[in-house]
PDB file of all heavy atoms in Angstrom:
ATOM      1  N   LYS A   1     -36.326  10.293  -8.674  1.00  0.00           N
ATOM      2  CA  LYS A   1     -37.260  10.046  -7.568  1.00  0.00           C
ATOM      3  C   LYS A   1     -38.442   9.202  -8.049  1.00  0.00           C
ATOM      4  O   LYS A   1     -38.874   8.265  -7.364  1.00  0.00           O
ATOM      5  CB  LYS A   1     -37.742  11.384  -7.001  1.00  0.00           C
ATOM      6  CG  LYS A   1     -38.658  11.259  -5.794  1.00  0.00           C
ATOM      7  CD  LYS A   1     -39.038  12.632  -5.261  1.00  0.00           C
ATOM      8  CE  LYS A   1     -39.971  12.518  -4.051  1.00  0.00           C
ATOM      9  NZ  LYS A   1     -40.342  13.861  -3.535  1.00  0.00           N
ATOM     10  N   LYS A   2     -38.946   9.533  -9.236  1.00  0.00           N
ATOM     11  CA  LYS A   2     -40.060   8.779  -9.797  1.00  0.00           C
ATOM     12  C   LYS A   2     -39.649   7.349 -10.118  1.00  0.00           C
ATOM     13  O   LYS A   2     -40.413   6.399  -9.891  1.00  0.00           O
ATOM     14  CB  LYS A   2     -40.562   9.479 -11.066  1.00  0.00           C
ATOM     15  CG  LYS A   2     -41.772   8.815 -11.704  1.00  0.00           C
ATOM     16  CD  LYS A   2     -42.242   9.596 -12.928  1.00  0.00           C
ATOM     17  CE  LYS A   2     -43.458   8.925 -13.564  1.00  0.00           C
ATOM     18  NZ  LYS A   2     -43.916   9.681 -14.766  1.00  0.00           N
ATOM     19  N   ARG A   3     -38.439   7.159 -10.625  1.00  0.00           N
ATOM     20  CA  ARG A   3     -37.951   5.812 -10.963  1.00  0.00           C
ATOM     21  C   ARG A   3     -37.867   4.933  -9.722  1.00  0.00           C
ATOM     22  O   ARG A   3     -38.237   3.759  -9.747  1.00  0.00           O
ATOM     23  CB  ARG A   3     -36.582   5.889 -11.645  1.00  0.00           C
ATOM     24  CG  ARG A   3     -36.625   6.356 -13.095  1.00  0.00           C
ATOM     25  CD  ARG A   3     -35.229   6.317 -13.716  1.00  0.00           C
ATOM     26  NE  ARG A   3     -34.692   4.961 -13.680  1.00  0.00           N
ATOM     27  CZ  ARG A   3     -34.976   4.019 -14.586  1.00  0.00           C
ATOM     28  NH1 ARG A   3     -35.792   4.282 -15.585  1.00  0.00           N
ATOM     29  NH2 ARG A   3     -34.436   2.818 -14.490  1.00  0.00           N
ATOM     30  N   ILE A   4     -37.358   5.499  -8.628  1.00  0.00           N
ATOM     31  CA  ILE A   4     -37.248   4.721  -7.391  1.00  0.00           C
ATOM     32  C   ILE A   4     -38.632   4.292  -6.910  1.00  0.00           C
ATOM     33  O   ILE A   4     -38.832   3.137  -6.504  1.00  0.00           O
ATOM     34  CB  ILE A   4     -36.519   5.557  -6.315  1.00  0.00           C
ATOM     35  CG1 ILE A   4     -35.055   5.778  -6.719  1.00  0.00           C
ATOM     36  CG2 ILE A   4     -36.611   4.870  -4.953  1.00  0.00           C
ATOM     37  CD1 ILE A   4     -34.310   6.732  -5.815  1.00  0.00           C
ATOM     38  N   MET A   5     -39.610   5.202  -6.963  1.00  0.00           N
ATOM     39  CA  MET A   5     -40.974   4.867  -6.554  1.00  0.00           C
ATOM     40  C   MET A   5     -41.555   3.759  -7.442  1.00  0.00           C
ATOM     41  O   MET A   5     -42.137   2.795  -6.945  1.00  0.00           O
ATOM     42  CB  MET A   5     -41.854   6.116  -6.633  1.00  0.00           C
ATOM     43  CG  MET A   5     -43.305   5.865  -6.243  1.00  0.00           C
ATOM     44  SD  MET A   5     -44.351   7.308  -6.548  1.00  0.00           S
ATOM     45  CE  MET A   5     -44.375   7.314  -8.354  1.00  0.00           C
ATOM     46  N   LEU A   6     -41.376   3.881  -8.769  1.00  0.00           N
ATOM     47  CA  LEU A   6     -41.917   2.890  -9.691  1.00  0.00           C
ATOM     48  C   LEU A   6     -41.222   1.533  -9.528  1.00  0.00           C
ATOM     49  O   LEU A   6     -41.862   0.485  -9.604  1.00  0.00           O
ATOM     50  CB  LEU A   6     -41.771   3.378 -11.130  1.00  0.00           C
ATOM     51  CG  LEU A   6     -42.709   4.514 -11.542  1.00  0.00           C
ATOM     52  CD1 LEU A   6     -42.294   5.083 -12.896  1.00  0.00           C
ATOM     53  CD2 LEU A   6     -44.149   4.016 -11.600  1.00  0.00           C
ATOM     54  N   GLN A   7     -39.911   1.552  -9.302  1.00  0.00           N
ATOM     55  CA  GLN A   7     -39.182   0.299  -9.105  1.00  0.00           C
ATOM     56  C   GLN A   7     -39.689  -0.432  -7.866  1.00  0.00           C
ATOM     57  O   GLN A   7     -39.842  -1.661  -7.880  1.00  0.00           O
ATOM     58  CB  GLN A   7     -37.681   0.583  -8.983  1.00  0.00           C
ATOM     59  CG  GLN A   7     -37.020   0.902 -10.315  1.00  0.00           C
ATOM     60  CD  GLN A   7     -35.590   1.378 -10.163  1.00  0.00           C
ATOM     61  OE1 GLN A   7     -35.159   1.781  -9.078  1.00  0.00           O
ATOM     62  NE2 GLN A   7     -34.841   1.358 -11.254  1.00  0.00           N
ATOM     63  N   ASN A   8     -39.969   0.306  -6.802  1.00  0.00           N
ATOM     64  CA  ASN A   8     -40.514  -0.314  -5.587  1.00  0.00           C
ATOM     65  C   ASN A   8     -41.895  -0.916  -5.860  1.00  0.00           C
ATOM     66  O   ASN A   8     -42.209  -2.016  -5.396  1.00  0.00           O
ATOM     67  CB  ASN A   8     -40.598   0.721  -4.464  1.00  0.00           C
ATOM     68  CG  ASN A   8     -39.229   1.125  -3.945  1.00  0.00           C
ATOM     69  OD1 ASN A   8     -38.265   0.367  -4.069  1.00  0.00           O
ATOM     70  ND2 ASN A   8     -39.134   2.311  -3.357  1.00  0.00           N
ATOM     71  N   GLU A   9     -42.725  -0.193  -6.624  1.00  0.00           N
ATOM     72  CA  GLU A   9     -44.058  -0.699  -6.946  1.00  0.00           C
ATOM     73  C   GLU A   9     -43.978  -1.941  -7.839  1.00  0.00           C
ATOM     74  O   GLU A   9     -44.763  -2.881  -7.671  1.00  0.00           O
ATOM     75  CB  GLU A   9     -44.877   0.400  -7.631  1.00  0.00           C
ATOM     76  CG  GLU A   9     -45.243   1.546  -6.696  1.00  0.00           C
ATOM     77  CD  GLU A   9     -45.952   2.672  -7.422  1.00  0.00           C
ATOM     78  OE1 GLU A   9     -45.905   2.689  -8.680  1.00  0.00           O
ATOM     79  OE2 GLU A   9     -46.554   3.534  -6.752  1.00  0.00           O
ATOM     80  N   VAL A  10     -43.049  -1.952  -8.767  1.00  0.00           N
ATOM     81  CA  VAL A  10     -42.858  -3.123  -9.633  1.00  0.00           C
ATOM     82  C   VAL A  10     -42.445  -4.336  -8.813  1.00  0.00           C
ATOM     83  O   VAL A  10     -42.969  -5.442  -8.994  1.00  0.00           O
ATOM     84  CB  VAL A  10     -41.815  -2.814 -10.729  1.00  0.00           C
ATOM     85  CG1 VAL A  10     -41.340  -4.108 -11.397  1.00  0.00           C
ATOM     86  CG2 VAL A  10     -42.399  -1.878 -11.773  1.00  0.00           C
ATOM     87  N   GLU A  11     -41.497  -4.152  -7.907  1.00  0.00           N
ATOM     88  CA  GLU A  11     -41.044  -5.268  -7.080  1.00  0.00           C
ATOM     89  C   GLU A  11     -42.166  -5.788  -6.190  1.00  0.00           C
ATOM     90  O   GLU A  11     -42.297  -7.001  -5.984  1.00  0.00           O
ATOM     91  CB  GLU A  11     -39.844  -4.831  -6.229  1.00  0.00           C
ATOM     92  CG  GLU A  11     -38.577  -4.584  -7.030  1.00  0.00           C
ATOM     93  CD  GLU A  11     -38.163  -5.796  -7.847  1.00  0.00           C
ATOM     94  OE1 GLU A  11     -38.235  -6.931  -7.312  1.00  0.00           O
ATOM     95  OE2 GLU A  11     -37.791  -5.624  -9.019  1.00  0.00           O
ATOM     96  N   THR A  12     -42.997  -4.892  -5.663  1.00  0.00           N
ATOM     97  CA  THR A  12     -44.134  -5.305  -4.835  1.00  0.00           C
ATOM     98  C   THR A  12     -45.114  -6.154  -5.634  1.00  0.00           C
ATOM     99  O   THR A  12     -45.601  -7.195  -5.163  1.00  0.00           O
ATOM    100  CB  THR A  12     -44.860  -4.070  -4.274  1.00  0.00           C
ATOM    101  OG1 THR A  12     -43.947  -3.329  -3.443  1.00  0.00           O
ATOM    102  CG2 THR A  12     -46.068  -4.478  -3.437  1.00  0.00           C
ATOM    103  N   LEU A  13     -45.411  -5.734  -6.860  1.00  0.00           N
ATOM    104  CA  LEU A  13     -46.337  -6.480  -7.712  1.00  0.00           C
ATOM    105  C   LEU A  13     -45.744  -7.831  -8.126  1.00  0.00           C
ATOM    106  O   LEU A  13     -46.460  -8.835  -8.184  1.00  0.00           O
ATOM    107  CB  LEU A  13     -46.685  -5.655  -8.949  1.00  0.00           C
ATOM    108  CG  LEU A  13     -47.633  -4.465  -8.698  1.00  0.00           C
ATOM    109  CD1 LEU A  13     -47.680  -3.558  -9.918  1.00  0.00           C
ATOM    110  CD2 LEU A  13     -49.029  -4.974  -8.349  1.00  0.00           C
ATOM    111  N   LYS A  14     -44.448  -7.870  -8.398  1.00  0.00           N
ATOM    112  CA  LYS A  14     -43.803  -9.139  -8.740  1.00  0.00           C
ATOM    113  C   LYS A  14     -43.872 -10.120  -7.573  1.00  0.00           C
ATOM    114  O   LYS A  14     -44.119 -11.316  -7.762  1.00  0.00           O
ATOM    115  CB  LYS A  14     -42.346  -8.903  -9.140  1.00  0.00           C
ATOM    116  CG  LYS A  14     -42.166  -8.306 -10.519  1.00  0.00           C
ATOM    117  CD  LYS A  14     -40.695  -8.149 -10.853  1.00  0.00           C
ATOM    118  CE  LYS A  14     -40.506  -7.637 -12.267  1.00  0.00           C
ATOM    119  NZ  LYS A  14     -39.060  -7.454 -12.611  1.00  0.00           N
ATOM    120  N   THR A  15     -43.663  -9.593  -6.380  1.00  0.00           N
ATOM    121  CA  THR A  15     -43.751 -10.442  -5.186  1.00  0.00           C
ATOM    122  C   THR A  15     -45.159 -10.970  -4.995  1.00  0.00           C
ATOM    123  O   THR A  15     -45.356 -12.137  -4.628  1.00  0.00           O
ATOM    124  CB  THR A  15     -43.316  -9.637  -3.947  1.00  0.00           C
ATOM    125  OG1 THR A  15     -41.973  -9.173  -4.129  1.00  0.00           O
ATOM    126  CG2 THR A  15     -43.374 -10.503  -2.699  1.00  0.00           C
ATOM    127  N   ALA A  16     -46.158 -10.128  -5.264  1.00  0.00           N
ATOM    128  CA  ALA A  16     -47.554 -10.554  -5.134  1.00  0.00           C
ATOM    129  C   ALA A  16     -47.944 -11.544  -6.222  1.00  0.00           C
ATOM    130  O   ALA A  16     -48.768 -12.444  -5.994  1.00  0.00           O
ATOM    131  CB  ALA A  16     -48.468  -9.330  -5.194  1.00  0.00           C
ATOM    132  N   LEU A  17     -47.348 -11.405  -7.398  1.00  0.00           N
ATOM    133  CA  LEU A  17     -47.715 -12.260  -8.532  1.00  0.00           C
ATOM    134  C   LEU A  17     -47.143 -13.673  -8.412  1.00  0.00           C
ATOM    135  O   LEU A  17     -47.785 -14.651  -8.832  1.00  0.00           O
ATOM    136  CB  LEU A  17     -47.228 -11.616  -9.834  1.00  0.00           C
ATOM    137  CG  LEU A  17     -47.543 -12.342 -11.138  1.00  0.00           C
ATOM    138  CD1 LEU A  17     -49.040 -12.472 -11.334  1.00  0.00           C
ATOM    139  CD2 LEU A  17     -46.896 -11.615 -12.324  1.00  0.00           C
ATOM    140  N   GLU A  18     -45.971 -13.789  -7.816  1.00  0.00           N
ATOM    141  CA  GLU A  18     -45.274 -15.083  -7.786  1.00  0.00           C
ATOM    142  C   GLU A  18     -46.098 -16.206  -7.167  1.00  0.00           C
ATOM    143  O   GLU A  18     -46.261 -17.268  -7.784  1.00  0.00           O
ATOM    144  CB  GLU A  18     -43.935 -14.913  -7.061  1.00  0.00           C
ATOM    145  CG  GLU A  18     -43.062 -16.153  -7.131  1.00  0.00           C
ATOM    146  CD  GLU A  18     -41.691 -15.908  -6.539  1.00  0.00           C
ATOM    147  OE1 GLU A  18     -41.288 -14.724  -6.400  1.00  0.00           O
ATOM    148  OE2 GLU A  18     -41.021 -16.897  -6.202  1.00  0.00           O
ATOM    149  N   PRO A  19     -46.659 -16.051  -5.954  1.00  0.00           N
ATOM    150  CA  PRO A  19     -47.451 -17.157  -5.393  1.00  0.00           C
ATOM    151  C   PRO A  19     -48.753 -17.407  -6.164  1.00  0.00           C
ATOM    152  O   PRO A  19     -49.230 -18.544  -6.211  1.00  0.00           O
ATOM    153  CB  PRO A  19     -47.743 -16.691  -3.962  1.00  0.00           C
ATOM    154  CG  PRO A  19     -47.600 -15.210  -3.986  1.00  0.00           C
ATOM    155  CD  PRO A  19     -46.548 -14.924  -4.994  1.00  0.00           C
ATOM    156  N   VAL A  20     -49.308 -16.368  -6.752  1.00  0.00           N
ATOM    157  CA  VAL A  20     -50.530 -16.539  -7.547  1.00  0.00           C
ATOM    158  C   VAL A  20     -50.247 -17.404  -8.767  1.00  0.00           C
ATOM    159  O   VAL A  20     -51.013 -18.322  -9.093  1.00  0.00           O
ATOM    160  CB  VAL A  20     -51.106 -15.172  -7.971  1.00  0.00           C
ATOM    161  CG1 VAL A  20     -52.285 -15.356  -8.923  1.00  0.00           C
ATOM    162  CG2 VAL A  20     -51.537 -14.372  -6.756  1.00  0.00           C
ATOM    163  N   VAL A  21     -49.136 -17.138  -9.443  1.00  0.00           N
ATOM    164  CA  VAL A  21     -48.759 -17.929 -10.617  1.00  0.00           C
ATOM    165  C   VAL A  21     -48.485 -19.379 -10.225  1.00  0.00           C
ATOM    166  O   VAL A  21     -48.899 -20.312 -10.920  1.00  0.00           O
ATOM    167  CB  VAL A  21     -47.528 -17.314 -11.312  1.00  0.00           C
ATOM    168  CG1 VAL A  21     -46.988 -18.256 -12.383  1.00  0.00           C
ATOM    169  CG2 VAL A  21     -47.878 -15.968 -11.911  1.00  0.00           C
ATOM    170  N   ALA A  22     -47.793 -19.566  -9.095  1.00  0.00           N
ATOM    171  CA  ALA A  22     -47.492 -20.918  -8.639  1.00  0.00           C
ATOM    172  C   ALA A  22     -48.782 -21.705  -8.368  1.00  0.00           C
ATOM    173  O   ALA A  22     -48.919 -22.869  -8.765  1.00  0.00           O
ATOM    174  CB  ALA A  22     -46.621 -20.870  -7.396  1.00  0.00           C
ATOM    175  N   GLU A  23     -49.727 -21.064  -7.688  1.00  0.00           N
ATOM    176  CA  GLU A  23     -51.008 -21.722  -7.399  1.00  0.00           C
ATOM    177  C   GLU A  23     -51.801 -21.957  -8.680  1.00  0.00           C
ATOM    178  O   GLU A  23     -52.434 -23.000  -8.862  1.00  0.00           O
ATOM    179  CB  GLU A  23     -51.812 -20.870  -6.420  1.00  0.00           C
ATOM    180  CG  GLU A  23     -53.096 -21.540  -5.934  1.00  0.00           C
ATOM    181  CD  GLU A  23     -53.855 -20.683  -4.952  1.00  0.00           C
ATOM    182  OE1 GLU A  23     -53.383 -19.582  -4.610  1.00  0.00           O
ATOM    183  OE2 GLU A  23     -54.953 -21.126  -4.522  1.00  0.00           O
ATOM    184  N   TRP A  24     -51.764 -20.964  -9.585  1.00  0.00           N
ATOM    185  CA  TRP A  24     -52.472 -21.058 -10.864  1.00  0.00           C
ATOM    186  C   TRP A  24     -51.952 -22.226 -11.698  1.00  0.00           C
ATOM    187  O   TRP A  24     -52.734 -22.979 -12.290  1.00  0.00           O
ATOM    188  CB  TRP A  24     -52.290 -19.736 -11.599  1.00  0.00           C
ATOM    189  CG  TRP A  24     -52.835 -19.685 -12.996  1.00  0.00           C
ATOM    190  CD1 TRP A  24     -54.129 -19.562 -13.377  1.00  0.00           C
ATOM    191  CD2 TRP A  24     -52.063 -19.721 -14.206  1.00  0.00           C
ATOM    192  NE1 TRP A  24     -54.234 -19.521 -14.746  1.00  0.00           N
ATOM    193  CE2 TRP A  24     -52.967 -19.616 -15.281  1.00  0.00           C
ATOM    194  CE3 TRP A  24     -50.705 -19.825 -14.486  1.00  0.00           C
ATOM    195  CZ2 TRP A  24     -52.558 -19.617 -16.610  1.00  0.00           C
ATOM    196  CZ3 TRP A  24     -50.293 -19.819 -15.811  1.00  0.00           C
ATOM    197  CH2 TRP A  24     -51.219 -19.724 -16.851  1.00  0.00           C
ATOM    198  N   GLU A  25     -50.632 -22.404 -11.734  1.00  0.00           N
ATOM    199  CA  GLU A  25     -50.039 -23.497 -12.508  1.00  0.00           C
ATOM    200  C   GLU A  25     -50.422 -24.859 -11.956  1.00  0.00           C
ATOM    201  O   GLU A  25     -50.489 -25.845 -12.699  1.00  0.00           O
ATOM    202  CB  GLU A  25     -48.522 -23.339 -12.554  1.00  0.00           C
ATOM    203  CG  GLU A  25     -48.058 -22.179 -13.426  1.00  0.00           C
ATOM    204  CD  GLU A  25     -46.562 -21.988 -13.407  1.00  0.00           C
ATOM    205  OE1 GLU A  25     -45.906 -22.550 -12.482  1.00  0.00           O
ATOM    206  OE2 GLU A  25     -46.041 -21.283 -14.295  1.00  0.00           O
TER     207      GLU A  25
END
């Protein structure tokens, strides 16, 4: 149960990071 919650949080952060990195580059 904890792994599923953490995996969802990781995917959310990766999605948020992608456009920031693109703009940063």
